[in-house]
Amino acid sequence: MFLTDFIKGRKNISCQESEGINLAVYLINEFKDRRFTFRGLKNKYSGVDAEELLKLLQKEIDSTLILYRYITSVKKFTDRKGVPQVKIRIIGKASSMNRYNPLDIELDITTEM
């Protein structure tokens, strides 16, 4: 547990990381009755339902010219009011090495209140 999580009153924090985007798709389907905020490469979308989010995610992945190696990191927690929340970060690596590359991309998905 990080200090910022303690200050924000978050409980039951679990962090996961996997290769590919399967974990992100699974969690979007798990929270399918909720609304999401999605920050893509160029645009930011808010108030998006799960079906539309999956379409936007597929559109963002297909719009890139480079084949990326995707890593999904997820943070699930319960907020101060007792509502389960999730933060998903999809990182696309352009090279096989784990160092900085200006062609790397990040896609952020969070649930709304």
C-alpha atoms as a PDB file:
ATOM      1  CA  MET A   1       0.000   0.000   0.000  1.00  0.00           C
ATOM      2  CA  PHE A   2       1.335   3.395  -0.982  1.00  0.00           C
ATOM      3  CA  LEU A   3       1.020   6.514   1.123  1.00  0.00           C
ATOM      4  CA  THR A   4      -1.238   8.149  -1.467  1.00  0.00           C
ATOM      5  CA  ASP A   5      -3.619   5.187  -1.301  1.00  0.00           C
ATOM      6  CA  PHE A   6      -3.785   5.512   2.465  1.00  0.00           C
ATOM      7  CA  ILE A   7      -4.487   9.249   2.260  1.00  0.00           C
ATOM      8  CA  LYS A   8      -7.244   8.724  -0.329  1.00  0.00           C
ATOM      9  CA  GLY A   9      -8.831   6.055   1.881  1.00  0.00           C
ATOM     10  CA  ARG A  10      -8.421   3.147  -0.516  1.00  0.00           C
ATOM     11  CA  LYS A  11      -8.772  -0.382   0.800  1.00  0.00           C
ATOM     12  CA  ASN A  12      -8.357  -3.912  -0.613  1.00  0.00           C
ATOM     13  CA  ILE A  13      -5.692  -2.821  -3.070  1.00  0.00           C
ATOM     14  CA  SER A  14      -4.430  -5.421  -5.523  1.00  0.00           C
ATOM     15  CA  CYS A  15      -1.968  -4.809  -8.339  1.00  0.00           C
ATOM     16  CA  GLN A  16      -1.549  -7.132 -11.308  1.00  0.00           C
ATOM     17  CA  GLU A  17       0.575  -7.058 -14.423  1.00  0.00           C
ATOM     18  CA  SER A  18       0.508  -9.238 -17.518  1.00  0.00           C
ATOM     19  CA  GLU A  19       1.641  -9.267 -21.117  1.00  0.00           C
ATOM     20  CA  GLY A  20      -0.919  -8.530 -23.791  1.00  0.00           C
ATOM     21  CA  ILE A  21      -4.281  -6.837 -23.370  1.00  0.00           C
ATOM     22  CA  ASN A  22      -6.292  -9.873 -22.223  1.00  0.00           C
ATOM     23  CA  LEU A  23      -6.285  -8.721 -18.589  1.00  0.00           C
ATOM     24  CA  ALA A  24      -7.655  -5.315 -19.604  1.00  0.00           C
ATOM     25  CA  VAL A  25     -10.453  -6.870 -21.670  1.00  0.00           C
ATOM     26  CA  TYR A  26     -11.318  -9.229 -18.796  1.00  0.00           C
ATOM     27  CA  LEU A  27     -11.578  -6.367 -16.283  1.00  0.00           C
ATOM     28  CA  ILE A  28     -13.606  -4.191 -18.648  1.00  0.00           C
ATOM     29  CA  ASN A  29     -16.069  -7.054 -18.978  1.00  0.00           C
ATOM     30  CA  GLU A  30     -16.045  -7.543 -15.197  1.00  0.00           C
ATOM     31  CA  PHE A  31     -17.049  -3.884 -14.681  1.00  0.00           C
ATOM     32  CA  LYS A  32     -19.394  -3.821 -17.698  1.00  0.00           C
ATOM     33  CA  ASP A  33     -22.223  -2.047 -15.858  1.00  0.00           C
ATOM     34  CA  ARG A  34     -19.964   0.952 -15.067  1.00  0.00           C
ATOM     35  CA  ARG A  35     -18.807   3.998 -17.015  1.00  0.00           C
ATOM     36  CA  PHE A  36     -15.148   4.505 -17.928  1.00  0.00           C
ATOM     37  CA  THR A  37     -12.723   7.280 -18.753  1.00  0.00           C
ATOM     38  CA  PHE A  38     -10.338   6.409 -21.576  1.00  0.00           C
ATOM     39  CA  ARG A  39      -7.255   8.424 -22.499  1.00  0.00           C
ATOM     40  CA  GLY A  40      -6.008   7.329 -25.890  1.00  0.00           C
ATOM     41  CA  LEU A  41      -3.162   8.571 -28.021  1.00  0.00           C
ATOM     42  CA  LYS A  42      -4.868  11.764 -29.180  1.00  0.00           C
ATOM     43  CA  ASN A  43      -8.301  12.009 -27.564  1.00  0.00           C
ATOM     44  CA  LYS A  44      -9.763  11.644 -24.086  1.00  0.00           C
ATOM     45  CA  TYR A  45     -13.183  10.039 -23.707  1.00  0.00           C
ATOM     46  CA  SER A  46     -15.326  10.114 -20.577  1.00  0.00           C
ATOM     47  CA  GLY A  47     -18.629   8.466 -19.727  1.00  0.00           C
ATOM     48  CA  VAL A  48     -18.005   5.541 -22.057  1.00  0.00           C
ATOM     49  CA  ASP A  49     -19.757   2.214 -21.463  1.00  0.00           C
ATOM     50  CA  ALA A  50     -17.910  -1.118 -21.702  1.00  0.00           C
ATOM     51  CA  GLU A  51     -18.948  -2.045 -25.250  1.00  0.00           C
ATOM     52  CA  GLU A  52     -17.971   1.336 -26.657  1.00  0.00           C
ATOM     53  CA  LEU A  53     -14.714   1.236 -24.690  1.00  0.00           C
ATOM     54  CA  LEU A  54     -13.720  -2.072 -26.259  1.00  0.00           C
ATOM     55  CA  LYS A  55     -14.422  -0.603 -29.712  1.00  0.00           C
ATOM     56  CA  LEU A  56     -12.358   2.504 -28.930  1.00  0.00           C
ATOM     57  CA  LEU A  57      -9.515   0.382 -27.568  1.00  0.00           C
ATOM     58  CA  GLN A  58      -9.494  -1.763 -30.706  1.00  0.00           C
ATOM     59  CA  LYS A  59      -9.578   1.371 -32.862  1.00  0.00           C
ATOM     60  CA  GLU A  60      -6.582   2.863 -31.008  1.00  0.00           C
ATOM     61  CA  ILE A  61      -4.577  -0.347 -31.325  1.00  0.00           C
ATOM     62  CA  ASP A  62      -5.369  -0.689 -35.038  1.00  0.00           C
ATOM     63  CA  SER A  63      -4.509   2.948 -35.784  1.00  0.00           C
ATOM     64  CA  THR A  64      -0.825   2.544 -34.918  1.00  0.00           C
ATOM     65  CA  LEU A  65       1.701   1.903 -37.663  1.00  0.00           C
ATOM     66  CA  ILE A  66       4.124   0.033 -35.433  1.00  0.00           C
ATOM     67  CA  LEU A  67       3.575  -3.411 -33.961  1.00  0.00           C
ATOM     68  CA  TYR A  68       3.819  -3.001 -30.205  1.00  0.00           C
ATOM     69  CA  ARG A  69       4.468  -5.441 -27.393  1.00  0.00           C
ATOM     70  CA  TYR A  70       1.723  -4.622 -24.886  1.00  0.00           C
ATOM     71  CA  ILE A  71       2.019  -4.798 -21.111  1.00  0.00           C
ATOM     72  CA  THR A  72      -1.090  -4.298 -18.978  1.00  0.00           C
ATOM     73  CA  SER A  73      -0.819  -3.138 -15.373  1.00  0.00           C
ATOM     74  CA  VAL A  74      -3.949  -3.033 -13.235  1.00  0.00           C
ATOM     75  CA  LYS A  75      -4.749  -1.580  -9.831  1.00  0.00           C
ATOM     76  CA  LYS A  76      -8.043  -2.695  -8.265  1.00  0.00           C
ATOM     77  CA  PHE A  77      -9.204  -1.105  -5.038  1.00  0.00           C
ATOM     78  CA  THR A  78     -12.203  -0.115  -2.977  1.00  0.00           C
ATOM     79  CA  ASP A  79     -12.570   3.621  -2.525  1.00  0.00           C
ATOM     80  CA  ARG A  80     -13.576   5.537   0.583  1.00  0.00           C
ATOM     81  CA  LYS A  81     -17.301   5.041  -0.108  1.00  0.00           C
ATOM     82  CA  GLY A  82     -16.931   1.272  -0.550  1.00  0.00           C
ATOM     83  CA  VAL A  83     -17.305   1.257  -4.353  1.00  0.00           C
ATOM     84  CA  PRO A  84     -14.897  -1.002  -6.272  1.00  0.00           C
ATOM     85  CA  GLN A  85     -12.696   0.884  -8.740  1.00  0.00           C
ATOM     86  CA  VAL A  86     -10.073  -0.101 -11.286  1.00  0.00           C
ATOM     87  CA  LYS A  87      -7.210   1.721 -13.009  1.00  0.00           C
ATOM     88  CA  ILE A  88      -5.807   0.063 -16.119  1.00  0.00           C
ATOM     89  CA  ARG A  89      -2.638   1.189 -17.887  1.00  0.00           C
ATOM     90  CA  ILE A  90      -1.747  -0.407 -21.214  1.00  0.00           C
ATOM     91  CA  ILE A  91       1.842   0.263 -22.213  1.00  0.00           C
ATOM     92  CA  GLY A  92       2.939  -0.428 -25.776  1.00  0.00           C
ATOM     93  CA  LYS A  93       6.671  -1.052 -26.152  1.00  0.00           C
ATOM     94  CA  ALA A  94       8.118  -0.494 -29.630  1.00  0.00           C
ATOM     95  CA  SER A  95      11.418  -2.255 -28.981  1.00  0.00           C
ATOM     96  CA  SER A  96      12.328  -5.502 -27.313  1.00  0.00           C
ATOM     97  CA  MET A  97      14.573  -3.761 -24.770  1.00  0.00           C
ATOM     98  CA  ASN A  98      13.136  -2.371 -21.537  1.00  0.00           C
ATOM     99  CA  ARG A  99      14.495   1.132 -21.804  1.00  0.00           C
ATOM    100  CA  TYR A 100      13.047   4.453 -22.894  1.00  0.00           C
ATOM    101  CA  ASN A 101      11.914   4.710 -26.495  1.00  0.00           C
ATOM    102  CA  PRO A 102      10.099   7.798 -27.816  1.00  0.00           C
ATOM    103  CA  LEU A 103       7.801   5.546 -29.851  1.00  0.00           C
ATOM    104  CA  ASP A 104       6.333   3.856 -26.753  1.00  0.00           C
ATOM    105  CA  ILE A 105       2.656   4.564 -26.045  1.00  0.00           C
ATOM    106  CA  GLU A 106       0.412   4.516 -22.969  1.00  0.00           C
ATOM    107  CA  LEU A 107      -3.350   4.068 -22.813  1.00  0.00           C
ATOM    108  CA  ASP A 108      -5.121   4.770 -19.506  1.00  0.00           C
ATOM    109  CA  ILE A 109      -8.539   3.449 -18.489  1.00  0.00           C
ATOM    110  CA  THR A 110     -10.259   4.278 -15.193  1.00  0.00           C
ATOM    111  CA  THR A 111     -13.735   3.679 -13.841  1.00  0.00           C
ATOM    112  CA  GLU A 112     -15.879   6.677 -13.015  1.00  0.00           C
ATOM    113  CA  MET A 113     -17.717   7.276  -9.769  1.00  0.00           C
END
